[in-house]
Amino acid sequence: MLELGVVALATFFVTVGPVDVAVVYAVLSQGMTRSQRRRMAWRGALLATGILMLFALFGEAVLSLLGITMPALYTAGGILLLLIGIDMVFARSSGGVSATPAETSEARARGDISVFPLATPLLAGPGAMGAAILLMSRAGDDWVARAVVLGALAAIMALALICLLVAVRLQHLLGVTGAHVLTRVLGVLLCALAMQFVFDGLEKSGLLG
């Protein structure tokens, strides 16, 4: 149970990227008042939490209705997280855990960025959504284990909200170089977690004998 909790915390921390998102948010919210930034931070974090909770609770059931097996989910999800991890190592914006350049450009023209791109795809991106489904499937029917995963998700989203509320300070503290260094380190960790998901999927499929 402790191992699942640690893996869930690490996976959500990497795929949600509270610090990275806060740095991007500080840039996108330039020119806004402090109260506007706080309001959008709360709204974006709460909406993203709701989205990820829905994926965690019902994502596996939806995939089952589509005839997608758990080994396929583990393998495909692991490959998705691996690709995202590789992009993080090379500090590239692929849209997996960050907004693409086109999305960022569109966001600058908006008056309210709490829904797009803050809630999604910055906080609740494809990587975090896939991780939520994978971790809940790993918990199985054990409600204690499922509660651990949901608790880890809630903890990381609370951390993300705190980072958003102090986004400007984080931006000044880390700078572009500091943010990229952190992203690369977390990317290596995500690649390792992703490969473990792939190995688990291949093992469960019986392809490895």
N, C-alpha and C. Protein backbone atom coordinates (compact mmCIF):
# COMPACT_ATOMS: atom_id res chain seq x y z
N MET A 1 0.83 -1.21 0.00
CA MET A 1 0.00 0.00 0.00
C MET A 1 0.87 1.27 0.00
N LEU A 2 1.94 1.21 0.81
CA LEU A 2 2.86 2.35 0.87
C LEU A 2 3.53 2.55 -0.48
N GLU A 3 3.90 1.42 -1.13
CA GLU A 3 4.54 1.51 -2.43
C GLU A 3 3.61 2.16 -3.45
N LEU A 4 2.33 1.76 -3.42
CA LEU A 4 1.35 2.34 -4.34
C LEU A 4 1.20 3.83 -4.10
N GLY A 5 1.18 4.23 -2.84
CA GLY A 5 1.05 5.64 -2.51
C GLY A 5 2.23 6.46 -3.00
N VAL A 6 3.44 5.92 -2.84
CA VAL A 6 4.64 6.62 -3.30
C VAL A 6 4.64 6.73 -4.82
N VAL A 7 4.30 5.62 -5.50
CA VAL A 7 4.25 5.62 -6.97
C VAL A 7 3.20 6.61 -7.47
N ALA A 8 2.03 6.63 -6.81
CA ALA A 8 0.96 7.54 -7.21
C ALA A 8 1.38 8.99 -7.03
N LEU A 9 1.99 9.31 -5.90
CA LEU A 9 2.44 10.68 -5.67
C LEU A 9 3.48 11.11 -6.71
N ALA A 10 4.43 10.22 -6.97
CA ALA A 10 5.49 10.55 -7.93
C ALA A 10 4.93 10.71 -9.33
N THR A 11 4.03 9.79 -9.71
CA THR A 11 3.47 9.84 -11.07
C THR A 11 2.62 11.08 -11.27
N PHE A 12 1.77 11.39 -10.33
CA PHE A 12 0.91 12.58 -10.46
C PHE A 12 1.76 13.86 -10.40
N PHE A 13 2.79 13.87 -9.56
CA PHE A 13 3.63 15.06 -9.47
C PHE A 13 4.30 15.34 -10.81
N VAL A 14 4.76 14.26 -11.47
CA VAL A 14 5.46 14.44 -12.73
C VAL A 14 4.50 14.80 -13.86
N THR A 15 3.34 14.11 -13.93
CA THR A 15 2.42 14.33 -15.05
C THR A 15 1.62 15.63 -14.90
N VAL A 16 1.30 16.02 -13.68
CA VAL A 16 0.60 17.30 -13.47
C VAL A 16 1.60 18.45 -13.55
N GLY A 17 2.78 18.26 -12.96
CA GLY A 17 3.82 19.29 -13.02
C GLY A 17 3.44 20.59 -12.36
N PRO A 18 3.15 20.59 -11.05
CA PRO A 18 2.70 21.83 -10.36
C PRO A 18 3.65 23.01 -10.54
N VAL A 19 4.94 22.77 -10.42
CA VAL A 19 5.92 23.87 -10.51
C VAL A 19 6.00 24.39 -11.94
N ASP A 20 6.09 23.48 -12.91
CA ASP A 20 6.15 23.90 -14.32
C ASP A 20 4.92 24.69 -14.71
N VAL A 21 3.75 24.19 -14.30
CA VAL A 21 2.50 24.87 -14.64
C VAL A 21 2.46 26.27 -14.02
N ALA A 22 2.96 26.38 -12.79
CA ALA A 22 2.96 27.68 -12.12
C ALA A 22 3.83 28.69 -12.87
N VAL A 23 4.97 28.24 -13.38
CA VAL A 23 5.84 29.14 -14.14
C VAL A 23 5.16 29.61 -15.41
N VAL A 24 4.49 28.69 -16.11
CA VAL A 24 3.76 29.05 -17.32
C VAL A 24 2.61 29.98 -16.98
N TYR A 25 1.92 29.69 -15.88
CA TYR A 25 0.78 30.51 -15.46
C TYR A 25 1.22 31.93 -15.14
N ALA A 26 2.39 32.07 -14.53
CA ALA A 26 2.89 33.41 -14.22
C ALA A 26 3.09 34.23 -15.48
N VAL A 27 3.53 33.57 -16.55
CA VAL A 27 3.73 34.27 -17.82
C VAL A 27 2.39 34.62 -18.46
N LEU A 28 1.47 33.67 -18.47
CA LEU A 28 0.17 33.89 -19.12
C LEU A 28 -0.68 34.92 -18.40
N SER A 29 -0.47 35.06 -17.09
CA SER A 29 -1.32 35.97 -16.30
C SER A 29 -0.69 37.35 -16.10
N GLN A 30 0.36 37.64 -16.83
CA GLN A 30 0.98 38.96 -16.73
C GLN A 30 -0.02 40.05 -17.11
N GLY A 31 -0.03 41.13 -16.35
CA GLY A 31 -0.95 42.23 -16.61
C GLY A 31 -2.26 42.12 -15.86
N MET A 32 -2.50 40.97 -15.21
CA MET A 32 -3.73 40.77 -14.43
C MET A 32 -3.49 41.21 -12.99
N THR A 33 -4.55 41.58 -12.32
CA THR A 33 -4.44 41.97 -10.92
C THR A 33 -4.23 40.72 -10.05
N ARG A 34 -3.79 40.95 -8.84
CA ARG A 34 -3.55 39.83 -7.92
C ARG A 34 -4.83 39.05 -7.66
N SER A 35 -5.94 39.75 -7.49
CA SER A 35 -7.21 39.07 -7.22
C SER A 35 -7.66 38.24 -8.43
N GLN A 36 -7.43 38.74 -9.63
CA GLN A 36 -7.78 37.98 -10.84
C GLN A 36 -6.95 36.70 -10.92
N ARG A 37 -5.66 36.81 -10.64
CA ARG A 37 -4.80 35.62 -10.69
C ARG A 37 -5.22 34.59 -9.66
N ARG A 38 -5.55 35.05 -8.46
CA ARG A 38 -5.98 34.12 -7.41
C ARG A 38 -7.29 33.44 -7.79
N ARG A 39 -8.23 34.22 -8.32
CA ARG A 39 -9.53 33.66 -8.69
C ARG A 39 -9.37 32.60 -9.79
N MET A 40 -8.58 32.90 -10.80
CA MET A 40 -8.39 31.94 -11.88
C MET A 40 -7.59 30.72 -11.43
N ALA A 41 -6.67 30.92 -10.48
CA ALA A 41 -5.91 29.79 -9.95
C ALA A 41 -6.84 28.81 -9.24
N TRP A 42 -7.72 29.33 -8.40
CA TRP A 42 -8.68 28.47 -7.69
C TRP A 42 -9.61 27.76 -8.67
N ARG A 43 -10.15 28.51 -9.61
CA ARG A 43 -11.09 27.93 -10.57
C ARG A 43 -10.42 26.85 -11.42
N GLY A 44 -9.23 27.15 -11.92
CA GLY A 44 -8.52 26.19 -12.76
C GLY A 44 -8.15 24.93 -12.00
N ALA A 45 -7.65 25.08 -10.77
CA ALA A 45 -7.25 23.93 -9.98
C ALA A 45 -8.44 23.05 -9.62
N LEU A 46 -9.55 23.67 -9.24
CA LEU A 46 -10.74 22.89 -8.88
C LEU A 46 -11.31 22.16 -10.09
N LEU A 47 -11.35 22.83 -11.23
CA LEU A 47 -11.87 22.19 -12.44
C LEU A 47 -10.97 21.03 -12.87
N ALA A 48 -9.67 21.24 -12.82
CA ALA A 48 -8.73 20.18 -13.20
C ALA A 48 -8.85 18.99 -12.25
N THR A 49 -9.03 19.26 -10.96
CA THR A 49 -9.21 18.18 -9.99
C THR A 49 -10.46 17.37 -10.31
N GLY A 50 -11.55 18.07 -10.64
CA GLY A 50 -12.78 17.37 -11.00
C GLY A 50 -12.60 16.50 -12.23
N ILE A 51 -11.90 17.02 -13.23
CA ILE A 51 -11.67 16.26 -14.47
C ILE A 51 -10.87 14.99 -14.18
N LEU A 52 -9.79 15.14 -13.43
CA LEU A 52 -8.93 13.99 -13.15
C LEU A 52 -9.63 12.97 -12.24
N MET A 53 -10.44 13.45 -11.31
CA MET A 53 -11.20 12.53 -10.46
C MET A 53 -12.18 11.72 -11.29
N LEU A 54 -12.83 12.35 -12.26
CA LEU A 54 -13.76 11.63 -13.15
C LEU A 54 -13.03 10.56 -13.94
N PHE A 55 -11.86 10.90 -14.47
CA PHE A 55 -11.08 9.91 -15.21
C PHE A 55 -10.64 8.78 -14.30
N ALA A 56 -10.26 9.11 -13.06
CA ALA A 56 -9.81 8.08 -12.13
C ALA A 56 -10.94 7.13 -11.75
N LEU A 57 -12.13 7.67 -11.54
CA LEU A 57 -13.25 6.86 -11.06
C LEU A 57 -13.97 6.11 -12.18
N PHE A 58 -14.07 6.71 -13.35
CA PHE A 58 -14.88 6.11 -14.40
C PHE A 58 -14.12 5.78 -15.68
N GLY A 59 -12.86 6.18 -15.76
CA GLY A 59 -12.11 5.95 -16.99
C GLY A 59 -11.96 4.48 -17.33
N GLU A 60 -11.66 3.65 -16.33
CA GLU A 60 -11.49 2.22 -16.57
C GLU A 60 -12.77 1.57 -17.06
N ALA A 61 -13.92 1.99 -16.48
CA ALA A 61 -15.20 1.43 -16.88
C ALA A 61 -15.52 1.78 -18.33
N VAL A 62 -15.22 3.01 -18.71
CA VAL A 62 -15.46 3.42 -20.10
C VAL A 62 -14.61 2.61 -21.06
N LEU A 63 -13.35 2.41 -20.70
CA LEU A 63 -12.46 1.62 -21.55
C LEU A 63 -12.93 0.18 -21.66
N SER A 64 -13.48 -0.37 -20.56
CA SER A 64 -14.00 -1.73 -20.59
C SER A 64 -15.18 -1.85 -21.55
N LEU A 65 -16.02 -0.81 -21.57
CA LEU A 65 -17.15 -0.81 -22.50
C LEU A 65 -16.68 -0.81 -23.95
N LEU A 66 -15.52 -0.24 -24.18
CA LEU A 66 -14.96 -0.19 -25.53
C LEU A 66 -14.17 -1.45 -25.87
N GLY A 67 -14.12 -2.38 -24.92
CA GLY A 67 -13.42 -3.64 -25.17
C GLY A 67 -11.92 -3.56 -25.01
N ILE A 68 -11.43 -2.54 -24.31
CA ILE A 68 -9.99 -2.37 -24.12
C ILE A 68 -9.57 -3.10 -22.84
N THR A 69 -8.64 -4.05 -22.96
CA THR A 69 -8.21 -4.85 -21.82
C THR A 69 -7.18 -4.11 -20.97
N MET A 70 -6.99 -4.60 -19.75
CA MET A 70 -6.02 -3.98 -18.85
C MET A 70 -4.58 -4.07 -19.37
N PRO A 71 -4.16 -5.23 -19.92
CA PRO A 71 -2.79 -5.26 -20.48
C PRO A 71 -2.59 -4.23 -21.58
N ALA A 72 -3.61 -4.05 -22.43
CA ALA A 72 -3.51 -3.04 -23.49
C ALA A 72 -3.43 -1.64 -22.90
N LEU A 73 -4.22 -1.40 -21.86
CA LEU A 73 -4.21 -0.08 -21.21
C LEU A 73 -2.85 0.19 -20.58
N TYR A 74 -2.30 -0.80 -19.87
CA TYR A 74 -1.00 -0.63 -19.24
C TYR A 74 0.07 -0.33 -20.28
N THR A 75 0.07 -1.10 -21.37
CA THR A 75 1.11 -0.94 -22.38
C THR A 75 0.98 0.38 -23.12
N ALA A 76 -0.25 0.70 -23.58
CA ALA A 76 -0.46 1.95 -24.31
C ALA A 76 -0.23 3.15 -23.40
N GLY A 77 -0.73 3.07 -22.17
CA GLY A 77 -0.52 4.17 -21.22
C GLY A 77 0.94 4.37 -20.90
N GLY A 78 1.67 3.27 -20.77
CA GLY A 78 3.10 3.37 -20.50
C GLY A 78 3.84 4.02 -21.65
N ILE A 79 3.46 3.66 -22.89
CA ILE A 79 4.10 4.26 -24.06
C ILE A 79 3.81 5.76 -24.13
N LEU A 80 2.55 6.13 -23.83
CA LEU A 80 2.18 7.56 -23.82
C LEU A 80 3.02 8.32 -22.81
N LEU A 81 3.12 7.78 -21.59
CA LEU A 81 3.90 8.45 -20.56
C LEU A 81 5.39 8.48 -20.92
N LEU A 82 5.86 7.43 -21.62
CA LEU A 82 7.26 7.41 -22.04
C LEU A 82 7.54 8.53 -23.03
N LEU A 83 6.64 8.72 -24.00
CA LEU A 83 6.81 9.79 -24.98
C LEU A 83 6.80 11.16 -24.31
N ILE A 84 5.91 11.32 -23.33
CA ILE A 84 5.85 12.59 -22.60
C ILE A 84 7.14 12.79 -21.80
N GLY A 85 7.62 11.71 -21.18
CA GLY A 85 8.86 11.81 -20.42
C GLY A 85 10.05 12.19 -21.29
N ILE A 86 10.10 11.64 -22.51
CA ILE A 86 11.18 11.98 -23.43
C ILE A 86 11.11 13.46 -23.80
N ASP A 87 9.90 13.96 -24.06
CA ASP A 87 9.75 15.39 -24.37
C ASP A 87 10.18 16.25 -23.19
N MET A 88 9.89 15.79 -21.96
CA MET A 88 10.29 16.55 -20.79
C MET A 88 11.81 16.59 -20.66
N VAL A 89 12.47 15.47 -20.94
CA VAL A 89 13.93 15.42 -20.85
C VAL A 89 14.58 16.41 -21.82
N PHE A 90 13.97 16.55 -23.01
CA PHE A 90 14.51 17.46 -24.01
C PHE A 90 13.85 18.84 -23.95
N ALA A 91 13.02 19.07 -22.89
CA ALA A 91 12.36 20.37 -22.68
C ALA A 91 11.58 20.81 -23.90
N ARG A 92 10.81 19.87 -24.48
CA ARG A 92 9.98 20.19 -25.64
C ARG A 92 8.52 20.26 -25.21
N SER A 93 7.75 21.15 -25.85
CA SER A 93 6.32 21.29 -25.56
C SER A 93 5.54 20.47 -26.58
N SER A 94 5.01 19.34 -26.11
CA SER A 94 4.28 18.46 -27.00
C SER A 94 2.77 18.51 -26.79
N GLY A 95 2.32 19.13 -25.69
CA GLY A 95 0.90 19.15 -25.37
C GLY A 95 0.51 18.06 -24.40
N GLY A 96 1.48 17.18 -24.06
CA GLY A 96 1.17 16.11 -23.11
C GLY A 96 1.05 16.60 -21.69
N VAL A 97 1.97 17.43 -21.28
CA VAL A 97 1.92 18.00 -19.92
C VAL A 97 2.02 19.51 -19.96
N SER A 98 1.92 20.08 -21.14
CA SER A 98 1.98 21.54 -21.26
C SER A 98 1.19 21.96 -22.48
N ALA A 99 0.94 23.25 -22.57
CA ALA A 99 0.24 23.76 -23.74
C ALA A 99 1.22 23.88 -24.90
N THR A 100 0.73 23.61 -26.10
CA THR A 100 1.57 23.77 -27.28
C THR A 100 1.75 25.26 -27.56
N PRO A 101 2.72 25.64 -28.40
CA PRO A 101 2.90 27.06 -28.73
C PRO A 101 1.63 27.70 -29.29
N ALA A 102 0.89 26.97 -30.12
CA ALA A 102 -0.35 27.51 -30.68
C ALA A 102 -1.39 27.76 -29.59
N GLU A 103 -1.47 26.81 -28.62
CA GLU A 103 -2.42 26.97 -27.52
C GLU A 103 -2.02 28.14 -26.62
N THR A 104 -0.73 28.28 -26.39
CA THR A 104 -0.25 29.40 -25.56
C THR A 104 -0.56 30.73 -26.22
N SER A 105 -0.37 30.80 -27.53
CA SER A 105 -0.66 32.03 -28.27
C SER A 105 -2.14 32.38 -28.18
N GLU A 106 -3.00 31.37 -28.30
CA GLU A 106 -4.44 31.61 -28.20
C GLU A 106 -4.83 32.05 -26.80
N ALA A 107 -4.17 31.45 -25.79
CA ALA A 107 -4.50 31.78 -24.40
C ALA A 107 -4.19 33.24 -24.07
N ARG A 108 -3.13 33.77 -24.67
CA ARG A 108 -2.76 35.15 -24.40
C ARG A 108 -3.85 36.12 -24.82
N ALA A 109 -4.68 35.73 -25.79
CA ALA A 109 -5.73 36.61 -26.29
C ALA A 109 -7.01 36.50 -25.47
N ARG A 110 -7.03 35.56 -24.53
CA ARG A 110 -8.23 35.35 -23.73
C ARG A 110 -8.19 36.18 -22.46
N GLY A 111 -9.34 36.56 -21.98
CA GLY A 111 -9.41 37.30 -20.73
C GLY A 111 -9.40 36.38 -19.53
N ASP A 112 -9.92 35.16 -19.70
CA ASP A 112 -9.98 34.18 -18.61
C ASP A 112 -9.30 32.90 -19.07
N ILE A 113 -8.20 32.56 -18.43
CA ILE A 113 -7.45 31.37 -18.84
C ILE A 113 -7.62 30.22 -17.85
N SER A 114 -8.60 30.32 -16.95
CA SER A 114 -8.75 29.30 -15.91
C SER A 114 -9.16 27.94 -16.48
N VAL A 115 -10.05 27.96 -17.50
CA VAL A 115 -10.49 26.70 -18.10
C VAL A 115 -9.47 26.22 -19.14
N PHE A 116 -9.17 27.09 -20.08
CA PHE A 116 -8.17 26.80 -21.10
C PHE A 116 -7.16 27.94 -21.14
N PRO A 117 -5.89 27.67 -21.02
CA PRO A 117 -5.28 26.34 -20.95
C PRO A 117 -4.92 25.86 -19.55
N LEU A 118 -5.34 26.58 -18.47
CA LEU A 118 -4.89 26.23 -17.13
C LEU A 118 -5.42 24.87 -16.67
N ALA A 119 -6.77 24.75 -16.61
CA ALA A 119 -7.35 23.48 -16.14
C ALA A 119 -6.95 22.34 -17.06
N THR A 120 -7.13 22.57 -18.35
CA THR A 120 -6.72 21.60 -19.35
C THR A 120 -6.22 22.34 -20.58
N PRO A 121 -5.04 22.04 -21.10
CA PRO A 121 -4.25 20.83 -20.83
C PRO A 121 -3.10 20.99 -19.84
N LEU A 122 -2.93 22.17 -19.20
CA LEU A 122 -1.78 22.35 -18.32
C LEU A 122 -1.83 21.45 -17.09
N LEU A 123 -2.93 21.50 -16.34
CA LEU A 123 -3.05 20.67 -15.14
C LEU A 123 -3.59 19.28 -15.46
N ALA A 124 -4.74 19.22 -16.08
CA ALA A 124 -5.35 17.94 -16.44
C ALA A 124 -5.08 17.64 -17.90
N GLY A 125 -3.85 17.26 -18.19
CA GLY A 125 -3.47 16.95 -19.56
C GLY A 125 -3.59 15.46 -19.84
N PRO A 126 -3.29 15.03 -21.05
CA PRO A 126 -3.38 13.61 -21.41
C PRO A 126 -2.53 12.72 -20.51
N GLY A 127 -1.35 13.20 -20.13
CA GLY A 127 -0.49 12.39 -19.28
C GLY A 127 -1.12 12.14 -17.92
N ALA A 128 -1.66 13.19 -17.29
CA ALA A 128 -2.29 13.05 -15.97
C ALA A 128 -3.55 12.20 -16.06
N MET A 129 -4.33 12.38 -17.13
CA MET A 129 -5.54 11.57 -17.30
C MET A 129 -5.20 10.09 -17.44
N GLY A 130 -4.20 9.80 -18.28
CA GLY A 130 -3.79 8.41 -18.45
C GLY A 130 -3.23 7.82 -17.17
N ALA A 131 -2.46 8.61 -16.43
CA ALA A 131 -1.89 8.15 -15.17
C ALA A 131 -2.99 7.83 -14.16
N ALA A 132 -4.03 8.66 -14.12
CA ALA A 132 -5.13 8.43 -13.18
C ALA A 132 -5.81 7.08 -13.45
N ILE A 133 -6.05 6.78 -14.72
CA ILE A 133 -6.70 5.51 -15.07
C ILE A 133 -5.77 4.34 -14.76
N LEU A 134 -4.50 4.46 -15.11
CA LEU A 134 -3.54 3.38 -14.88
C LEU A 134 -3.39 3.07 -13.39
N LEU A 135 -3.27 4.10 -12.58
CA LEU A 135 -3.06 3.89 -11.15
C LEU A 135 -4.30 3.30 -10.49
N MET A 136 -5.48 3.72 -10.92
CA MET A 136 -6.70 3.16 -10.36
C MET A 136 -6.88 1.70 -10.78
N SER A 137 -6.46 1.37 -11.99
CA SER A 137 -6.55 -0.03 -12.43
C SER A 137 -5.56 -0.88 -11.63
N ARG A 138 -4.40 -0.31 -11.30
CA ARG A 138 -3.43 -1.04 -10.48
C ARG A 138 -3.99 -1.28 -9.08
N ALA A 139 -4.78 -0.35 -8.56
CA ALA A 139 -5.39 -0.52 -7.23
C ALA A 139 -6.43 -1.62 -7.23
N GLY A 140 -7.02 -1.91 -8.42
CA GLY A 140 -8.00 -2.98 -8.52
C GLY A 140 -9.28 -2.68 -7.77
N ASP A 141 -9.84 -3.71 -7.14
CA ASP A 141 -11.10 -3.56 -6.40
C ASP A 141 -10.88 -3.26 -4.92
N ASP A 142 -9.63 -3.07 -4.53
CA ASP A 142 -9.31 -2.74 -3.14
C ASP A 142 -9.62 -1.27 -2.91
N TRP A 143 -10.68 -1.01 -2.12
CA TRP A 143 -11.11 0.38 -1.93
C TRP A 143 -10.12 1.18 -1.11
N VAL A 144 -9.35 0.52 -0.27
CA VAL A 144 -8.32 1.23 0.48
C VAL A 144 -7.24 1.71 -0.49
N ALA A 145 -6.84 0.82 -1.40
CA ALA A 145 -5.82 1.19 -2.39
C ALA A 145 -6.33 2.29 -3.31
N ARG A 146 -7.60 2.20 -3.70
CA ARG A 146 -8.18 3.24 -4.56
C ARG A 146 -8.22 4.58 -3.82
N ALA A 147 -8.52 4.53 -2.52
CA ALA A 147 -8.54 5.76 -1.71
C ALA A 147 -7.14 6.36 -1.62
N VAL A 148 -6.12 5.51 -1.58
CA VAL A 148 -4.73 5.98 -1.54
C VAL A 148 -4.40 6.74 -2.82
N VAL A 149 -4.81 6.18 -3.97
CA VAL A 149 -4.56 6.83 -5.25
C VAL A 149 -5.28 8.17 -5.33
N LEU A 150 -6.56 8.19 -4.94
CA LEU A 150 -7.33 9.43 -4.97
C LEU A 150 -6.75 10.45 -3.99
N GLY A 151 -6.28 9.98 -2.84
CA GLY A 151 -5.66 10.88 -1.87
C GLY A 151 -4.38 11.49 -2.42
N ALA A 152 -3.60 10.67 -3.14
CA ALA A 152 -2.37 11.17 -3.76
C ALA A 152 -2.69 12.23 -4.81
N LEU A 153 -3.75 11.97 -5.59
CA LEU A 153 -4.17 12.93 -6.61
C LEU A 153 -4.61 14.24 -5.96
N ALA A 154 -5.40 14.14 -4.89
CA ALA A 154 -5.86 15.34 -4.19
C ALA A 154 -4.68 16.12 -3.61
N ALA A 155 -3.69 15.41 -3.08
CA ALA A 155 -2.53 16.07 -2.48
C ALA A 155 -1.73 16.83 -3.53
N ILE A 156 -1.54 16.22 -4.69
CA ILE A 156 -0.78 16.90 -5.75
C ILE A 156 -1.55 18.09 -6.30
N MET A 157 -2.87 17.97 -6.42
CA MET A 157 -3.66 19.09 -6.91
C MET A 157 -3.67 20.23 -5.90
N ALA A 158 -3.64 19.90 -4.60
CA ALA A 158 -3.53 20.94 -3.57
C ALA A 158 -2.18 21.64 -3.68
N LEU A 159 -1.13 20.86 -3.93
CA LEU A 159 0.19 21.45 -4.14
C LEU A 159 0.21 22.34 -5.38
N ALA A 160 -0.49 21.89 -6.43
CA ALA A 160 -0.57 22.68 -7.66
C ALA A 160 -1.24 24.02 -7.40
N LEU A 161 -2.30 24.02 -6.59
CA LEU A 161 -3.00 25.26 -6.26
C LEU A 161 -2.07 26.21 -5.51
N ILE A 162 -1.32 25.67 -4.56
CA ILE A 162 -0.39 26.51 -3.80
C ILE A 162 0.65 27.12 -4.73
N CYS A 163 1.17 26.30 -5.66
CA CYS A 163 2.16 26.80 -6.61
C CYS A 163 1.58 27.89 -7.50
N LEU A 164 0.33 27.72 -7.89
CA LEU A 164 -0.32 28.75 -8.73
C LEU A 164 -0.48 30.05 -7.97
N LEU A 165 -0.80 29.95 -6.69
CA LEU A 165 -1.02 31.16 -5.89
C LEU A 165 0.28 31.94 -5.66
N VAL A 166 1.41 31.24 -5.75
CA VAL A 166 2.71 31.92 -5.59
C VAL A 166 3.51 31.84 -6.89
N ALA A 167 2.78 31.80 -8.01
CA ALA A 167 3.40 31.57 -9.31
C ALA A 167 4.46 32.61 -9.66
N VAL A 168 4.17 33.87 -9.39
CA VAL A 168 5.10 34.93 -9.74
C VAL A 168 6.42 34.78 -8.98
N ARG A 169 6.32 34.44 -7.70
CA ARG A 169 7.52 34.24 -6.89
C ARG A 169 8.32 33.05 -7.41
N LEU A 170 7.63 31.96 -7.77
CA LEU A 170 8.31 30.78 -8.31
C LEU A 170 9.03 31.11 -9.61
N GLN A 171 8.37 31.92 -10.43
CA GLN A 171 8.98 32.29 -11.71
C GLN A 171 10.29 33.05 -11.49
N HIS A 172 10.25 33.99 -10.55
CA HIS A 172 11.45 34.76 -10.26
C HIS A 172 12.54 33.90 -9.62
N LEU A 173 12.12 32.92 -8.81
CA LEU A 173 13.07 32.06 -8.10
C LEU A 173 13.77 31.09 -9.04
N LEU A 174 12.99 30.44 -9.92
CA LEU A 174 13.54 29.41 -10.79
C LEU A 174 14.10 29.96 -12.10
N GLY A 175 13.33 30.86 -12.72
CA GLY A 175 13.72 31.33 -14.04
C GLY A 175 13.51 30.24 -15.07
N VAL A 176 13.81 30.53 -16.31
CA VAL A 176 13.62 29.56 -17.39
C VAL A 176 14.57 28.37 -17.24
N THR A 177 15.82 28.66 -16.94
CA THR A 177 16.82 27.59 -16.81
C THR A 177 16.48 26.65 -15.66
N GLY A 178 16.11 27.21 -14.52
CA GLY A 178 15.76 26.38 -13.37
C GLY A 178 14.56 25.50 -13.66
N ALA A 179 13.56 26.04 -14.34
CA ALA A 179 12.37 25.27 -14.68
C ALA A 179 12.72 24.12 -15.61
N HIS A 180 13.60 24.37 -16.58
CA HIS A 180 14.00 23.33 -17.53
C HIS A 180 14.80 22.23 -16.84
N VAL A 181 15.65 22.60 -15.91
CA VAL A 181 16.43 21.60 -15.17
C VAL A 181 15.49 20.68 -14.39
N LEU A 182 14.52 21.27 -13.70
CA LEU A 182 13.55 20.49 -12.94
C LEU A 182 12.75 19.59 -13.86
N THR A 183 12.32 20.13 -15.01
CA THR A 183 11.54 19.34 -15.96
C THR A 183 12.33 18.13 -16.46
N ARG A 184 13.61 18.32 -16.75
CA ARG A 184 14.44 17.22 -17.26
C ARG A 184 14.61 16.12 -16.20
N VAL A 185 14.83 16.52 -14.95
CA VAL A 185 14.99 15.53 -13.89
C VAL A 185 13.70 14.72 -13.72
N LEU A 186 12.56 15.41 -13.71
CA LEU A 186 11.28 14.73 -13.57
C LEU A 186 10.98 13.87 -14.79
N GLY A 187 11.45 14.30 -15.96
CA GLY A 187 11.25 13.52 -17.18
C GLY A 187 11.93 12.17 -17.11
N VAL A 188 13.13 12.13 -16.56
CA VAL A 188 13.84 10.86 -16.40
C VAL A 188 13.04 9.93 -15.48
N LEU A 189 12.52 10.47 -14.39
CA LEU A 189 11.71 9.69 -13.47
C LEU A 189 10.46 9.15 -14.16
N LEU A 190 9.81 10.00 -14.95
CA LEU A 190 8.60 9.57 -15.64
C LEU A 190 8.91 8.47 -16.65
N CYS A 191 10.02 8.55 -17.34
CA CYS A 191 10.40 7.50 -18.30
C CYS A 191 10.54 6.15 -17.59
N ALA A 192 11.15 6.16 -16.40
CA ALA A 192 11.31 4.92 -15.65
C ALA A 192 9.96 4.36 -15.22
N LEU A 193 9.07 5.24 -14.73
CA LEU A 193 7.73 4.80 -14.35
C LEU A 193 6.96 4.27 -15.55
N ALA A 194 7.12 4.93 -16.69
CA ALA A 194 6.42 4.51 -17.90
C ALA A 194 6.85 3.13 -18.34
N MET A 195 8.15 2.86 -18.30
CA MET A 195 8.64 1.54 -18.70
C MET A 195 8.13 0.46 -17.76
N GLN A 196 7.97 0.79 -16.49
CA GLN A 196 7.42 -0.19 -15.56
C GLN A 196 5.98 -0.53 -15.93
N PHE A 197 5.19 0.47 -16.34
CA PHE A 197 3.83 0.22 -16.79
C PHE A 197 3.84 -0.68 -18.03
N VAL A 198 4.75 -0.42 -18.97
CA VAL A 198 4.85 -1.24 -20.18
C VAL A 198 5.19 -2.68 -19.82
N PHE A 199 6.17 -2.87 -18.93
CA PHE A 199 6.56 -4.22 -18.50
C PHE A 199 5.39 -4.94 -17.84
N ASP A 200 4.65 -4.21 -16.99
CA ASP A 200 3.49 -4.81 -16.33
C ASP A 200 2.43 -5.24 -17.35
N GLY A 201 2.22 -4.38 -18.36
CA GLY A 201 1.23 -4.71 -19.39
C GLY A 201 1.63 -5.93 -20.19
N LEU A 202 2.91 -6.03 -20.55
CA LEU A 202 3.38 -7.19 -21.31
C LEU A 202 3.30 -8.46 -20.48
N GLU A 203 3.59 -8.32 -19.18
CA GLU A 203 3.52 -9.49 -18.28
C GLU A 203 2.08 -9.98 -18.14
N LYS A 204 1.15 -9.04 -17.96
CA LYS A 204 -0.26 -9.40 -17.79
C LYS A 204 -0.85 -9.97 -19.09
N SER A 205 -0.28 -9.59 -20.24
CA SER A 205 -0.82 -10.07 -21.51
C SER A 205 -0.40 -11.50 -21.81
N GLY A 206 0.63 -11.99 -21.12
CA GLY A 206 1.11 -13.33 -21.35
C GLY A 206 2.11 -13.43 -22.50
N LEU A 207 2.47 -12.32 -23.10
CA LEU A 207 3.38 -12.34 -24.25
C LEU A 207 4.81 -12.72 -23.84
N LEU A 208 5.11 -12.50 -22.57
CA LEU A 208 6.46 -12.81 -22.09
C LEU A 208 6.59 -14.24 -21.58
N GLY A 209 5.51 -15.00 -21.79
CA GLY A 209 5.54 -16.40 -21.36
C GLY A 209 5.09 -16.55 -19.94
